[in-house]
Amino acid sequence: GLSGGQRQRLLLARALLADPPVLVLDEPAEALDPVAADALVRDLLAAPGGGTLLLVTHRLAALDAADEVVVLDRGRVVQRGRHGELLAVAGAYRDLWEAELLAA
């Protein structure tokens, strides 16, 4: 049988091949190791297709390729912008980024 990570990648590939107008992925890299998870998120953001990808994740390392990052805190939008813009100002995104770097 397939491992959890293999099964997850197969399901993602099927979803991408369907090329839906909107694809919502909630923690798609959860079952993967950090290096594979970051690579997967980058690949998802670079994947061709005409639709919109809404990616819910706590892994920030690969979000530099995102068109827009929306930061939620308790269900409210507290910041939005591009990865570099959000790192340039004090706020929740930069705090999360620094915490992720320390944990790595």
PDB file of N, CA and C in Angstrom:
ATOM      1  N   GLY A   1       0.805  -1.188   0.000  1.00  0.00           N
ATOM      2  CA  GLY A   1       0.000   0.000   0.000  1.00  0.00           C
ATOM      3  C   GLY A   1       0.855   1.262   0.000  1.00  0.00           C
ATOM      4  N   LEU A   2       0.201   2.347  -0.077  1.00  0.00           N
ATOM      5  CA  LEU A   2       0.865   3.648  -0.102  1.00  0.00           C
ATOM      6  C   LEU A   2       1.060   4.177   1.312  1.00  0.00           C
ATOM      7  N   SER A   3       2.159   4.891   1.510  1.00  0.00           N
ATOM      8  CA  SER A   3       2.367   5.570   2.790  1.00  0.00           C
ATOM      9  C   SER A   3       1.442   6.784   2.843  1.00  0.00           C
ATOM     10  N   GLY A   4       1.325   7.380   4.024  1.00  0.00           N
ATOM     11  CA  GLY A   4       0.485   8.573   4.167  1.00  0.00           C
ATOM     12  C   GLY A   4       0.926   9.695   3.247  1.00  0.00           C
ATOM     13  N   GLY A   5       2.240   9.923   3.164  1.00  0.00           N
ATOM     14  CA  GLY A   5       2.761  10.978   2.299  1.00  0.00           C
ATOM     15  C   GLY A   5       2.522  10.693   0.828  1.00  0.00           C
ATOM     16  N   GLN A   6       2.700   9.417   0.420  1.00  0.00           N
ATOM     17  CA  GLN A   6       2.464   9.046  -0.976  1.00  0.00           C
ATOM     18  C   GLN A   6       0.990   9.210  -1.338  1.00  0.00           C
ATOM     19  N   ARG A   7       0.128   8.783  -0.430  1.00  0.00           N
ATOM     20  CA  ARG A   7      -1.317   8.912  -0.679  1.00  0.00           C
ATOM     21  C   ARG A   7      -1.708  10.383  -0.810  1.00  0.00           C
ATOM     22  N   GLN A   8      -1.141  11.208   0.063  1.00  0.00           N
ATOM     23  CA  GLN A   8      -1.453  12.635   0.029  1.00  0.00           C
ATOM     24  C   GLN A   8      -0.984  13.260  -1.288  1.00  0.00           C
ATOM     25  N   ARG A   9       0.222  12.899  -1.736  1.00  0.00           N
ATOM     26  CA  ARG A   9       0.727  13.440  -3.007  1.00  0.00           C
ATOM     27  C   ARG A   9      -0.127  12.982  -4.186  1.00  0.00           C
ATOM     28  N   LEU A  10      -0.585  11.736  -4.156  1.00  0.00           N
ATOM     29  CA  LEU A  10      -1.453  11.229  -5.221  1.00  0.00           C
ATOM     30  C   LEU A  10      -2.769  12.002  -5.264  1.00  0.00           C
ATOM     31  N   LEU A  11      -3.362  12.246  -4.107  1.00  0.00           N
ATOM     32  CA  LEU A  11      -4.611  13.014  -4.054  1.00  0.00           C
ATOM     33  C   LEU A  11      -4.404  14.447  -4.544  1.00  0.00           C
ATOM     34  N   LEU A  12      -3.268  15.050  -4.196  1.00  0.00           N
ATOM     35  CA  LEU A  12      -2.974  16.405  -4.678  1.00  0.00           C
ATOM     36  C   LEU A  12      -2.812  16.421  -6.193  1.00  0.00           C
ATOM     37  N   ALA A  13      -2.110  15.431  -6.726  1.00  0.00           N
ATOM     38  CA  ALA A  13      -1.923  15.361  -8.179  1.00  0.00           C
ATOM     39  C   ALA A  13      -3.269  15.240  -8.889  1.00  0.00           C
ATOM     40  N   ARG A  14      -4.149  14.419  -8.362  1.00  0.00           N
ATOM     41  CA  ARG A  14      -5.481  14.270  -8.962  1.00  0.00           C
ATOM     42  C   ARG A  14      -6.255  15.583  -8.919  1.00  0.00           C
ATOM     43  N   ALA A  15      -6.157  16.295  -7.805  1.00  0.00           N
ATOM     44  CA  ALA A  15      -6.857  17.581  -7.684  1.00  0.00           C
ATOM     45  C   ALA A  15      -6.299  18.596  -8.676  1.00  0.00           C
ATOM     46  N   LEU A  16      -4.976  18.624  -8.830  1.00  0.00           N
ATOM     47  CA  LEU A  16      -4.362  19.573  -9.763  1.00  0.00           C
ATOM     48  C   LEU A  16      -4.710  19.238 -11.207  1.00  0.00           C
ATOM     49  N   LEU A  17      -4.741  17.962 -11.546  1.00  0.00           N
ATOM     50  CA  LEU A  17      -5.084  17.563 -12.914  1.00  0.00           C
ATOM     51  C   LEU A  17      -6.516  17.925 -13.273  1.00  0.00           C
ATOM     52  N   ALA A  18      -7.394  17.969 -12.293  1.00  0.00           N
ATOM     53  CA  ALA A  18      -8.787  18.358 -12.542  1.00  0.00           C
ATOM     54  C   ALA A  18      -8.891  19.843 -12.883  1.00  0.00           C
ATOM     55  N   ASP A  19      -7.882  20.636 -12.512  1.00  0.00           N
ATOM     56  CA  ASP A  19      -7.816  22.077 -12.778  1.00  0.00           C
ATOM     57  C   ASP A  19      -9.131  22.796 -12.435  1.00  0.00           C
ATOM     58  N   PRO A  20      -9.553  22.703 -11.179  1.00  0.00           N
ATOM     59  CA  PRO A  20     -10.803  23.383 -10.788  1.00  0.00           C
ATOM     60  C   PRO A  20     -10.614  24.898 -10.775  1.00  0.00           C
ATOM     61  N   PRO A  21     -11.690  25.669 -10.867  1.00  0.00           N
ATOM     62  CA  PRO A  21     -11.554  27.127 -10.829  1.00  0.00           C
ATOM     63  C   PRO A  21     -11.008  27.611  -9.487  1.00  0.00           C
ATOM     64  N   VAL A  22     -11.361  26.915  -8.396  1.00  0.00           N
ATOM     65  CA  VAL A  22     -10.831  27.237  -7.067  1.00  0.00           C
ATOM     66  C   VAL A  22     -10.456  25.925  -6.395  1.00  0.00           C
ATOM     67  N   LEU A  23      -9.221  25.856  -5.906  1.00  0.00           N
ATOM     68  CA  LEU A  23      -8.753  24.675  -5.188  1.00  0.00           C
ATOM     69  C   LEU A  23      -8.359  25.111  -3.785  1.00  0.00           C
ATOM     70  N   VAL A  24      -9.008  24.540  -2.782  1.00  0.00           N
ATOM     71  CA  VAL A  24      -8.722  24.855  -1.383  1.00  0.00           C
ATOM     72  C   VAL A  24      -7.967  23.680  -0.785  1.00  0.00           C
ATOM     73  N   LEU A  25      -6.771  23.959  -0.270  1.00  0.00           N
ATOM     74  CA  LEU A  25      -5.948  22.925   0.354  1.00  0.00           C
ATOM     75  C   LEU A  25      -5.645  23.335   1.784  1.00  0.00           C
ATOM     76  N   ASP A  26      -6.002  22.481   2.710  1.00  0.00           N
ATOM     77  CA  ASP A  26      -5.789  22.743   4.133  1.00  0.00           C
ATOM     78  C   ASP A  26      -4.626  21.883   4.615  1.00  0.00           C
ATOM     79  N   GLU A  27      -3.498  22.520   4.902  1.00  0.00           N
ATOM     80  CA  GLU A  27      -2.285  21.841   5.364  1.00  0.00           C
ATOM     81  C   GLU A  27      -1.928  20.658   4.456  1.00  0.00           C
ATOM     82  N   PRO A  28      -1.702  20.897   3.153  1.00  0.00           N
ATOM     83  CA  PRO A  28      -1.447  19.789   2.227  1.00  0.00           C
ATOM     84  C   PRO A  28      -0.133  19.060   2.484  1.00  0.00           C
ATOM     85  N   ALA A  29       0.788  19.669   3.208  1.00  0.00           N
ATOM     86  CA  ALA A  29       2.096  19.057   3.439  1.00  0.00           C
ATOM     87  C   ALA A  29       2.234  18.487   4.845  1.00  0.00           C
ATOM     88  N   GLU A  30       1.140  18.345   5.545  1.00  0.00           N
ATOM     89  CA  GLU A  30       1.160  17.955   6.957  1.00  0.00           C
ATOM     90  C   GLU A  30       1.865  16.619   7.201  1.00  0.00           C
ATOM     91  N   ALA A  31       1.713  15.644   6.312  1.00  0.00           N
ATOM     92  CA  ALA A  31       2.290  14.316   6.527  1.00  0.00           C
ATOM     93  C   ALA A  31       3.725  14.197   6.014  1.00  0.00           C
ATOM     94  N   LEU A  32       4.300  15.298   5.545  1.00  0.00           N
ATOM     95  CA  LEU A  32       5.630  15.252   4.939  1.00  0.00           C
ATOM     96  C   LEU A  32       6.685  15.834   5.868  1.00  0.00           C
ATOM     97  N   ASP A  33       7.946  15.447   5.617  1.00  0.00           N
ATOM     98  CA  ASP A  33       9.040  16.040   6.376  1.00  0.00           C
ATOM     99  C   ASP A  33       9.209  17.492   5.928  1.00  0.00           C
ATOM    100  N   PRO A  34       9.890  18.340   6.726  1.00  0.00           N
ATOM    101  CA  PRO A  34       9.962  19.779   6.416  1.00  0.00           C
ATOM    102  C   PRO A  34      10.505  20.114   5.027  1.00  0.00           C
ATOM    103  N   VAL A  35      11.539  19.421   4.574  1.00  0.00           N
ATOM    104  CA  VAL A  35      12.111  19.720   3.253  1.00  0.00           C
ATOM    105  C   VAL A  35      11.109  19.380   2.155  1.00  0.00           C
ATOM    106  N   ALA A  36      10.504  18.204   2.244  1.00  0.00           N
ATOM    107  CA  ALA A  36       9.506  17.802   1.247  1.00  0.00           C
ATOM    108  C   ALA A  36       8.275  18.701   1.313  1.00  0.00           C
ATOM    109  N   ALA A  37       7.892  19.108   2.518  1.00  0.00           N
ATOM    110  CA  ALA A  37       6.722  19.981   2.688  1.00  0.00           C
ATOM    111  C   ALA A  37       6.942  21.322   2.000  1.00  0.00           C
ATOM    112  N   ASP A  38       8.110  21.925   2.213  1.00  0.00           N
ATOM    113  CA  ASP A  38       8.397  23.211   1.576  1.00  0.00           C
ATOM    114  C   ASP A  38       8.447  23.076   0.060  1.00  0.00           C
ATOM    115  N   ALA A  39       9.046  21.990  -0.431  1.00  0.00           N
ATOM    116  CA  ALA A  39       9.105  21.760  -1.878  1.00  0.00           C
ATOM    117  C   ALA A  39       7.701  21.594  -2.452  1.00  0.00           C
ATOM    118  N   LEU A  40       6.850  20.871  -1.749  1.00  0.00           N
ATOM    119  CA  LEU A  40       5.478  20.669  -2.217  1.00  0.00           C
ATOM    120  C   LEU A  40       4.723  21.989  -2.310  1.00  0.00           C
ATOM    121  N   VAL A  41       4.835  22.820  -1.292  1.00  0.00           N
ATOM    122  CA  VAL A  41       4.130  24.111  -1.305  1.00  0.00           C
ATOM    123  C   VAL A  41       4.640  24.970  -2.452  1.00  0.00           C
ATOM    124  N   ARG A  42       5.951  25.010  -2.660  1.00  0.00           N
ATOM    125  CA  ARG A  42       6.501  25.784  -3.784  1.00  0.00           C
ATOM    126  C   ARG A  42       5.980  25.253  -5.118  1.00  0.00           C
ATOM    127  N   ASP A  43       5.950  23.933  -5.257  1.00  0.00           N
ATOM    128  CA  ASP A  43       5.440  23.329  -6.493  1.00  0.00           C
ATOM    129  C   ASP A  43       3.963  23.664  -6.703  1.00  0.00           C
ATOM    130  N   LEU A  44       3.183  23.624  -5.639  1.00  0.00           N
ATOM    131  CA  LEU A  44       1.761  23.966  -5.753  1.00  0.00           C
ATOM    132  C   LEU A  44       1.582  25.405  -6.207  1.00  0.00           C
ATOM    133  N   LEU A  45       2.378  26.314  -5.649  1.00  0.00           N
ATOM    134  CA  LEU A  45       2.253  27.728  -6.007  1.00  0.00           C
ATOM    135  C   LEU A  45       2.721  28.003  -7.428  1.00  0.00           C
ATOM    136  N   ALA A  46       3.619  27.155  -7.943  1.00  0.00           N
ATOM    137  CA  ALA A  46       4.142  27.349  -9.296  1.00  0.00           C
ATOM    138  C   ALA A  46       3.383  26.533 -10.341  1.00  0.00           C
ATOM    139  N   ALA A  47       2.469  25.680  -9.908  1.00  0.00           N
ATOM    140  CA  ALA A  47       1.764  24.792 -10.837  1.00  0.00           C
ATOM    141  C   ALA A  47       0.946  25.592 -11.842  1.00  0.00           C
ATOM    142  N   PRO A  48       1.020  25.170 -13.114  1.00  0.00           N
ATOM    143  CA  PRO A  48       0.198  25.850 -14.111  1.00  0.00           C
ATOM    144  C   PRO A  48      -1.275  25.541 -13.879  1.00  0.00           C
ATOM    145  N   GLY A  49      -2.078  26.403 -14.343  1.00  0.00           N
ATOM    146  CA  GLY A  49      -3.524  26.216 -14.199  1.00  0.00           C
ATOM    147  C   GLY A  49      -4.182  27.577 -14.162  1.00  0.00           C
ATOM    148  N   GLY A  50      -5.411  27.608 -14.551  1.00  0.00           N
ATOM    149  CA  GLY A  50      -6.106  28.881 -14.633  1.00  0.00           C
ATOM    150  C   GLY A  50      -6.873  29.254 -13.389  1.00  0.00           C
ATOM    151  N   GLY A  51      -6.861  28.374 -12.394  1.00  0.00           N
ATOM    152  CA  GLY A  51      -7.686  28.606 -11.220  1.00  0.00           C
ATOM    153  C   GLY A  51      -6.963  29.305 -10.089  1.00  0.00           C
ATOM    154  N   THR A  52      -7.691  29.465  -9.009  1.00  0.00           N
ATOM    155  CA  THR A  52      -7.190  30.092  -7.794  1.00  0.00           C
ATOM    156  C   THR A  52      -6.852  29.003  -6.788  1.00  0.00           C
ATOM    157  N   LEU A  53      -5.706  29.142  -6.131  1.00  0.00           N
ATOM    158  CA  LEU A  53      -5.303  28.219  -5.080  1.00  0.00           C
ATOM    159  C   LEU A  53      -5.391  28.940  -3.747  1.00  0.00           C
ATOM    160  N   LEU A  54      -6.204  28.411  -2.861  1.00  0.00           N
ATOM    161  CA  LEU A  54      -6.300  28.923  -1.497  1.00  0.00           C
ATOM    162  C   LEU A  54      -5.613  27.898  -0.613  1.00  0.00           C
ATOM    163  N   LEU A  55      -4.481  28.283  -0.062  1.00  0.00           N
ATOM    164  CA  LEU A  55      -3.642  27.374   0.708  1.00  0.00           C
ATOM    165  C   LEU A  55      -3.678  27.769   2.174  1.00  0.00           C
ATOM    166  N   VAL A  56      -4.153  26.865   3.010  1.00  0.00           N
ATOM    167  CA  VAL A  56      -4.177  27.081   4.453  1.00  0.00           C
ATOM    168  C   VAL A  56      -2.969  26.345   5.015  1.00  0.00           C
ATOM    169  N   THR A  57      -2.055  27.071   5.660  1.00  0.00           N
ATOM    170  CA  THR A  57      -0.844  26.435   6.161  1.00  0.00           C
ATOM    171  C   THR A  57      -0.245  27.211   7.321  1.00  0.00           C
ATOM    172  N   HIS A  58       0.467  26.480   8.149  1.00  0.00           N
ATOM    173  CA  HIS A  58       1.268  27.104   9.191  1.00  0.00           C
ATOM    174  C   HIS A  58       2.736  27.141   8.778  1.00  0.00           C
ATOM    175  N   ARG A  59       3.077  26.521   7.654  1.00  0.00           N
ATOM    176  CA  ARG A  59       4.455  26.504   7.153  1.00  0.00           C
ATOM    177  C   ARG A  59       4.657  27.724   6.259  1.00  0.00           C
ATOM    178  N   LEU A  60       5.487  28.636   6.702  1.00  0.00           N
ATOM    179  CA  LEU A  60       5.657  29.893   5.980  1.00  0.00           C
ATOM    180  C   LEU A  60       6.828  29.878   5.007  1.00  0.00           C
ATOM    181  N   ALA A  61       7.739  28.927   5.144  1.00  0.00           N
ATOM    182  CA  ALA A  61       8.996  28.955   4.402  1.00  0.00           C
ATOM    183  C   ALA A  61       8.809  29.061   2.890  1.00  0.00           C
ATOM    184  N   ALA A  62       7.777  28.466   2.348  1.00  0.00           N
ATOM    185  CA  ALA A  62       7.606  28.450   0.897  1.00  0.00           C
ATOM    186  C   ALA A  62       6.647  29.517   0.383  1.00  0.00           C
ATOM    187  N   LEU A  63       6.143  30.372   1.247  1.00  0.00           N
ATOM    188  CA  LEU A  63       5.131  31.341   0.825  1.00  0.00           C
ATOM    189  C   LEU A  63       5.699  32.548   0.082  1.00  0.00           C
ATOM    190  N   ASP A  64       7.013  32.575  -0.114  1.00  0.00           N
ATOM    191  CA  ASP A  64       7.596  33.677  -0.877  1.00  0.00           C
ATOM    192  C   ASP A  64       7.091  33.692  -2.314  1.00  0.00           C
ATOM    193  N   ALA A  65       6.569  32.582  -2.798  1.00  0.00           N
ATOM    194  CA  ALA A  65       6.056  32.509  -4.167  1.00  0.00           C
ATOM    195  C   ALA A  65       4.561  32.829  -4.264  1.00  0.00           C
ATOM    196  N   ALA A  66       3.910  33.053  -3.145  1.00  0.00           N
ATOM    197  CA  ALA A  66       2.467  33.329  -3.155  1.00  0.00           C
ATOM    198  C   ALA A  66       2.181  34.737  -3.663  1.00  0.00           C
ATOM    199  N   ASP A  67       1.093  34.890  -4.398  1.00  0.00           N
ATOM    200  CA  ASP A  67       0.676  36.215  -4.864  1.00  0.00           C
ATOM    201  C   ASP A  67       0.248  37.089  -3.700  1.00  0.00           C
ATOM    202  N   GLU A  68      -0.410  36.487  -2.725  1.00  0.00           N
ATOM    203  CA  GLU A  68      -0.859  37.235  -1.554  1.00  0.00           C
ATOM    204  C   GLU A  68      -0.926  36.292  -0.364  1.00  0.00           C
ATOM    205  N   VAL A  69      -0.516  36.802   0.784  1.00  0.00           N
ATOM    206  CA  VAL A  69      -0.597  36.061   2.038  1.00  0.00           C
ATOM    207  C   VAL A  69      -1.595  36.797   2.924  1.00  0.00           C
ATOM    208  N   VAL A  70      -2.540  36.058   3.469  1.00  0.00           N
ATOM    209  CA  VAL A  70      -3.520  36.628   4.390  1.00  0.00           C
ATOM    210  C   VAL A  70      -3.298  35.958   5.744  1.00  0.00           C
ATOM    211  N   VAL A  71      -3.026  36.767   6.761  1.00  0.00           N
ATOM    212  CA  VAL A  71      -2.741  36.253   8.100  1.00  0.00           C
ATOM    213  C   VAL A  71      -3.993  36.412   8.956  1.00  0.00           C
ATOM    214  N   LEU A  72      -4.434  35.294   9.520  1.00  0.00           N
ATOM    215  CA  LEU A  72      -5.613  35.297  10.386  1.00  0.00           C
ATOM    216  C   LEU A  72      -5.194  35.075  11.836  1.00  0.00           C
ATOM    217  N   ASP A  73      -5.882  35.727  12.732  1.00  0.00           N
ATOM    218  CA  ASP A  73      -5.713  35.499  14.162  1.00  0.00           C
ATOM    219  C   ASP A  73      -7.106  35.436  14.774  1.00  0.00           C
ATOM    220  N   ARG A  74      -7.455  34.273  15.281  1.00  0.00           N
ATOM    221  CA  ARG A  74      -8.785  34.045  15.861  1.00  0.00           C
ATOM    222  C   ARG A  74      -9.905  34.385  14.871  1.00  0.00           C
ATOM    223  N   GLY A  75      -9.683  34.018  13.617  1.00  0.00           N
ATOM    224  CA  GLY A  75     -10.707  34.207  12.597  1.00  0.00           C
ATOM    225  C   GLY A  75     -10.764  35.583  11.972  1.00  0.00           C
ATOM    226  N   ARG A  76      -9.882  36.475  12.371  1.00  0.00           N
ATOM    227  CA  ARG A  76      -9.870  37.839  11.812  1.00  0.00           C
ATOM    228  C   ARG A  76      -8.593  38.078  11.011  1.00  0.00           C
ATOM    229  N   VAL A  77      -8.725  38.808   9.914  1.00  0.00           N
ATOM    230  CA  VAL A  77      -7.559  39.173   9.113  1.00  0.00           C
ATOM    231  C   VAL A  77      -6.779  40.236   9.875  1.00  0.00           C
ATOM    232  N   VAL A  78      -5.516  39.929  10.184  1.00  0.00           N
ATOM    233  CA  VAL A  78      -4.685  40.894  10.897  1.00  0.00           C
ATOM    234  C   VAL A  78      -3.593  41.480  10.004  1.00  0.00           C
ATOM    235  N   GLN A  79      -3.271  40.801   8.910  1.00  0.00           N
ATOM    236  CA  GLN A  79      -2.301  41.317   7.944  1.00  0.00           C
ATOM    237  C   GLN A  79      -2.585  40.681   6.591  1.00  0.00           C
ATOM    238  N   ARG A  80      -2.198  41.371   5.546  1.00  0.00           N
ATOM    239  CA  ARG A  80      -2.231  40.795   4.211  1.00  0.00           C
ATOM    240  C   ARG A  80      -1.221  41.520   3.352  1.00  0.00           C
ATOM    241  N   GLY A  81      -0.645  40.797   2.413  1.00  0.00           N
ATOM    242  CA  GLY A  81       0.358  41.352   1.519  1.00  0.00           C
ATOM    243  C   GLY A  81       1.237  40.236   0.980  1.00  0.00           C
ATOM    244  N   ARG A  82       2.312  40.616   0.339  1.00  0.00           N
ATOM    245  CA  ARG A  82       3.272  39.633  -0.161  1.00  0.00           C
ATOM    246  C   ARG A  82       4.227  39.259   0.961  1.00  0.00           C
ATOM    247  N   HIS A  83       4.857  38.129   0.818  1.00  0.00           N
ATOM    248  CA  HIS A  83       5.773  37.593   1.826  1.00  0.00           C
ATOM    249  C   HIS A  83       6.798  38.641   2.274  1.00  0.00           C
ATOM    250  N   GLY A  84       7.497  39.238   1.332  1.00  0.00           N
ATOM    251  CA  GLY A  84       8.530  40.224   1.666  1.00  0.00           C
ATOM    252  C   GLY A  84       7.976  41.453   2.359  1.00  0.00           C
ATOM    253  N   GLU A  85       6.816  41.899   1.925  1.00  0.00           N
ATOM    254  CA  GLU A  85       6.180  43.063   2.557  1.00  0.00           C
ATOM    255  C   GLU A  85       5.832  42.769   4.013  1.00  0.00           C
ATOM    256  N   LEU A  86       5.332  41.575   4.266  1.00  0.00           N
ATOM    257  CA  LEU A  86       4.923  41.216   5.620  1.00  0.00           C
ATOM    258  C   LEU A  86       6.121  41.017   6.544  1.00  0.00           C
ATOM    259  N   LEU A  87       7.233  40.560   5.989  1.00  0.00           N
ATOM    260  CA  LEU A  87       8.444  40.411   6.808  1.00  0.00           C
ATOM    261  C   LEU A  87       9.069  41.756   7.146  1.00  0.00           C
ATOM    262  N   ALA A  88       8.794  42.763   6.321  1.00  0.00           N
ATOM    263  CA  ALA A  88       9.418  44.079   6.498  1.00  0.00           C
ATOM    264  C   ALA A  88       8.796  44.893   7.625  1.00  0.00           C
ATOM    265  N   VAL A  89       7.645  44.472   8.124  1.00  0.00           N
ATOM    266  CA  VAL A  89       6.976  45.235   9.184  1.00  0.00           C
ATOM    267  C   VAL A  89       6.740  44.333  10.394  1.00  0.00           C
ATOM    268  N   ALA A  90       6.741  44.944  11.556  1.00  0.00           N
ATOM    269  CA  ALA A  90       6.442  44.186  12.771  1.00  0.00           C
ATOM    270  C   ALA A  90       4.996  43.711  12.713  1.00  0.00           C
ATOM    271  N   GLY A  91       4.771  42.475  13.094  1.00  0.00           N
ATOM    272  CA  GLY A  91       3.412  41.956  13.087  1.00  0.00           C
ATOM    273  C   GLY A  91       3.392  40.457  13.245  1.00  0.00           C
ATOM    274  N   ALA A  92       2.206  39.909  13.147  1.00  0.00           N
ATOM    275  CA  ALA A  92       2.000  38.480  13.377  1.00  0.00           C
ATOM    276  C   ALA A  92       2.793  37.617  12.403  1.00  0.00           C
ATOM    277  N   TYR A  93       2.849  38.013  11.122  1.00  0.00           N
ATOM    278  CA  TYR A  93       3.547  37.195  10.128  1.00  0.00           C
ATOM    279  C   TYR A  93       5.030  37.107  10.445  1.00  0.00           C
ATOM    280  N   ARG A  94       5.630  38.242  10.717  1.00  0.00           N
ATOM    281  CA  ARG A  94       7.058  38.228  11.043  1.00  0.00           C
ATOM    282  C   ARG A  94       7.316  37.435  12.322  1.00  0.00           C
ATOM    283  N   ASP A  95       6.440  37.550  13.306  1.00  0.00           N
ATOM    284  CA  ASP A  95       6.586  36.774  14.542  1.00  0.00           C
ATOM    285  C   ASP A  95       6.541  35.272  14.250  1.00  0.00           C
ATOM    286  N   LEU A  96       5.593  34.856  13.417  1.00  0.00           N
ATOM    287  CA  LEU A  96       5.493  33.443  13.047  1.00  0.00           C
ATOM    288  C   LEU A  96       6.717  32.986  12.257  1.00  0.00           C
ATOM    289  N   TRP A  97       7.192  33.837  11.364  1.00  0.00           N
ATOM    290  CA  TRP A  97       8.377  33.536  10.555  1.00  0.00           C
ATOM    291  C   TRP A  97       9.594  33.314  11.453  1.00  0.00           C
ATOM    292  N   GLU A  98       9.793  34.218  12.396  1.00  0.00           N
ATOM    293  CA  GLU A  98      10.938  34.097  13.304  1.00  0.00           C
ATOM    294  C   GLU A  98      10.818  32.845  14.168  1.00  0.00           C
ATOM    295  N   ALA A  99       9.619  32.513  14.611  1.00  0.00           N
ATOM    296  CA  ALA A  99       9.411  31.296  15.403  1.00  0.00           C
ATOM    297  C   ALA A  99       9.705  30.049  14.571  1.00  0.00           C
ATOM    298  N   GLU A 100       9.321  30.075  13.292  1.00  0.00           N
ATOM    299  CA  GLU A 100       9.589  28.935  12.413  1.00  0.00           C
ATOM    300  C   GLU A 100      11.087  28.764  12.196  1.00  0.00           C
ATOM    301  N   LEU A 101      11.802  29.871  12.039  1.00  0.00           N
ATOM    302  CA  LEU A 101      13.255  29.794  11.865  1.00  0.00           C
ATOM    303  C   LEU A 101      13.930  29.218  13.100  1.00  0.00           C
ATOM    304  N   LEU A 102      13.483  29.622  14.272  1.00  0.00           N
ATOM    305  CA  LEU A 102      14.070  29.120  15.517  1.00  0.00           C
ATOM    306  C   LEU A 102      13.794  27.632  15.714  1.00  0.00           C
ATOM    307  N   ALA A 103      12.651  27.179  15.240  1.00  0.00           N
ATOM    308  CA  ALA A 103      12.271  25.774  15.409  1.00  0.00           C
ATOM    309  C   ALA A 103      13.002  24.854  14.431  1.00  0.00           C
ATOM    310  N   ALA A 104      13.525  25.424  13.349  1.00  0.00           N
ATOM    311  CA  ALA A 104      14.174  24.605  12.308  1.00  0.00           C
ATOM    312  C   ALA A 104      15.535  24.092  12.719  1.00  0.00           C
TER     313      ALA A 104
END
